Structures are given as structure tokens and as C-alpha cells.
Amino acid sequence: KQRHHEARRTETALRTVALDHGLLHAVQFALVLEVFDADQLLAVQRCHEGQAGIEAAVAQLLDLKERHDVQGTGQPR
């Protein structure tokens, strides 16, 4: 019977640790948001938009190359 109580205590301790880690992650996220002001967030957003534009251009070039590599039989080289 004592082992059963120890298992319950272990489960409770693990739940507490999991809750503490969840709160820690929430605080870290809040601190990250606090560090950035509106101008910085806009700069980060523009950076991501620029990367998306580059990625789209690369994808288009790869698509064109793939189409060019297909011979008249419809089979890739």
C-alpha cells in the first residue's frame, strides 16, 4: 500500500514539473515579445517576406529547369 502512495506522489511531482516548464516557456515567449518594439517586428516581418520572395523565385527557376529537362517523350533525361 505504501508503494501506491509513493506512485501518487511521483505523479503529482511530475505534473508540477510539467506545469513549471509550461509557465517557464510562457514567460520566455513573453520576454521575447517584450524585447521587440513595433519597428523591430516590422523589420522582421519584411525580412521574412523578402525570404519568401526569394524562395518563390528559386522554386519557379527549378520548375522551369525541370520542364526544360523533359524530352519530347515526356520522360526526364
C-alpha atoms as a PDB file:
ATOM      1  CA  LYS A   1       0.000   0.000   0.000  1.00  0.00           C
ATOM      2  CA  GLN A   2       2.906   2.356   0.717  1.00  0.00           C
ATOM      3  CA  ARG A   3       4.220   1.917  -2.846  1.00  0.00           C
ATOM      4  CA  HIS A   4       0.843   3.024  -4.173  1.00  0.00           C
ATOM      5  CA  HIS A   5       1.139   6.269  -2.204  1.00  0.00           C
ATOM      6  CA  GLU A   6       4.695   6.781  -3.478  1.00  0.00           C
ATOM      7  CA  ALA A   7       3.463   6.399  -7.057  1.00  0.00           C
ATOM      8  CA  ARG A   8       0.818   9.053  -6.444  1.00  0.00           C
ATOM      9  CA  ARG A   9       3.433  11.408  -5.014  1.00  0.00           C
ATOM     10  CA  THR A  10       5.625  10.809  -8.053  1.00  0.00           C
ATOM     11  CA  GLU A  11       2.754  11.563 -10.430  1.00  0.00           C
ATOM     12  CA  THR A  12       1.960  14.757  -8.538  1.00  0.00           C
ATOM     13  CA  ALA A  13       5.604  15.829  -8.606  1.00  0.00           C
ATOM     14  CA  LEU A  14       5.833  15.168 -12.344  1.00  0.00           C
ATOM     15  CA  ARG A  15       2.673  17.174 -13.008  1.00  0.00           C
ATOM     16  CA  THR A  16       4.132  20.065 -11.012  1.00  0.00           C
ATOM     17  CA  VAL A  17       7.369  19.938 -13.010  1.00  0.00           C
ATOM     18  CA  ALA A  18       5.429  19.858 -16.288  1.00  0.00           C
ATOM     19  CA  LEU A  19       3.375  22.854 -15.158  1.00  0.00           C
ATOM     20  CA  ASP A  20       6.528  24.723 -14.130  1.00  0.00           C
ATOM     21  CA  HIS A  21       8.102  24.083 -17.551  1.00  0.00           C
ATOM     22  CA  GLY A  22       4.932  25.297 -19.278  1.00  0.00           C
ATOM     23  CA  LEU A  23       4.996  28.513 -17.269  1.00  0.00           C
ATOM     24  CA  LEU A  24       8.699  28.949 -17.998  1.00  0.00           C
ATOM     25  CA  HIS A  25       8.071  28.693 -21.743  1.00  0.00           C
ATOM     26  CA  ALA A  26       5.224  31.205 -21.480  1.00  0.00           C
ATOM     27  CA  VAL A  27       7.464  33.664 -19.629  1.00  0.00           C
ATOM     28  CA  GLN A  28      10.263  33.195 -22.185  1.00  0.00           C
ATOM     29  CA  PHE A  29       7.810  33.886 -25.023  1.00  0.00           C
ATOM     30  CA  ALA A  30       6.526  36.995 -23.243  1.00  0.00           C
ATOM     31  CA  LEU A  31      10.089  38.254 -22.786  1.00  0.00           C
ATOM     32  CA  VAL A  32      10.844  37.748 -26.469  1.00  0.00           C
ATOM     33  CA  LEU A  33       7.758  39.756 -27.369  1.00  0.00           C
ATOM     34  CA  GLU A  34       8.736  42.463 -24.910  1.00  0.00           C
ATOM     35  CA  VAL A  35      12.201  42.823 -26.446  1.00  0.00           C
ATOM     36  CA  PHE A  36      10.814  43.726 -29.842  1.00  0.00           C
ATOM     37  CA  ASP A  37       9.063  47.011 -30.373  1.00  0.00           C
ATOM     38  CA  ALA A  38       6.784  47.723 -33.333  1.00  0.00           C
ATOM     39  CA  ASP A  39       9.611  48.875 -35.635  1.00  0.00           C
ATOM     40  CA  GLN A  40      11.646  45.758 -34.947  1.00  0.00           C
ATOM     41  CA  LEU A  41       8.666  43.484 -35.552  1.00  0.00           C
ATOM     42  CA  LEU A  42       8.010  45.235 -38.859  1.00  0.00           C
ATOM     43  CA  ALA A  43      11.649  44.730 -39.858  1.00  0.00           C
ATOM     44  CA  VAL A  44      11.451  41.025 -39.006  1.00  0.00           C
ATOM     45  CA  GLN A  45       8.211  40.714 -40.981  1.00  0.00           C
ATOM     46  CA  ARG A  46       9.797  42.400 -44.014  1.00  0.00           C
ATOM     47  CA  CYS A  47      12.813  40.106 -43.758  1.00  0.00           C
ATOM     48  CA  HIS A  48      10.536  37.053 -43.833  1.00  0.00           C
ATOM     49  CA  GLU A  49       8.599  38.489 -46.760  1.00  0.00           C
ATOM     50  CA  GLY A  50      11.869  39.032 -48.630  1.00  0.00           C
ATOM     51  CA  GLN A  51      12.923  35.461 -47.996  1.00  0.00           C
ATOM     52  CA  ALA A  52       9.544  34.223 -49.202  1.00  0.00           C
ATOM     53  CA  GLY A  53      10.034  36.162 -52.440  1.00  0.00           C
ATOM     54  CA  ILE A  54      13.465  34.625 -52.965  1.00  0.00           C
ATOM     55  CA  GLU A  55      12.168  31.142 -52.198  1.00  0.00           C
ATOM     56  CA  ALA A  56       9.333  31.608 -54.705  1.00  0.00           C
ATOM     57  CA  ALA A  57      11.779  32.742 -57.398  1.00  0.00           C
ATOM     58  CA  VAL A  58      14.027  29.736 -56.776  1.00  0.00           C
ATOM     59  CA  ALA A  59      11.020  27.411 -56.929  1.00  0.00           C
ATOM     60  CA  GLN A  60       9.994  28.938 -60.266  1.00  0.00           C
ATOM     61  CA  LEU A  61      13.507  28.512 -61.672  1.00  0.00           C
ATOM     62  CA  LEU A  62      13.630  24.893 -60.548  1.00  0.00           C
ATOM     63  CA  ASP A  63      10.230  24.289 -62.123  1.00  0.00           C
ATOM     64  CA  LEU A  64      11.398  25.807 -65.420  1.00  0.00           C
ATOM     65  CA  LYS A  65      14.568  23.701 -65.339  1.00  0.00           C
ATOM     66  CA  GLU A  66      12.547  20.565 -64.679  1.00  0.00           C
ATOM     67  CA  ARG A  67      10.264  21.360 -67.607  1.00  0.00           C
ATOM     68  CA  HIS A  68      13.281  22.027 -69.833  1.00  0.00           C
ATOM     69  CA  ASP A  69      14.902  18.725 -68.824  1.00  0.00           C
ATOM     70  CA  VAL A  70      11.881  16.750 -70.026  1.00  0.00           C
ATOM     71  CA  GLN A  71      12.479  15.500 -73.554  1.00  0.00           C
ATOM     72  CA  GLY A  72       9.876  15.116 -76.256  1.00  0.00           C
ATOM     73  CA  THR A  73       8.974  11.664 -74.925  1.00  0.00           C
ATOM     74  CA  GLY A  74       7.777  13.191 -71.700  1.00  0.00           C
ATOM     75  CA  GLN A  75      10.459  11.298 -69.789  1.00  0.00           C
ATOM     76  CA  PRO A  76      13.096  13.071 -67.703  1.00  0.00           C
ATOM     77  CA  ARG A  77      16.663  12.749 -69.010  1.00  0.00           C
END
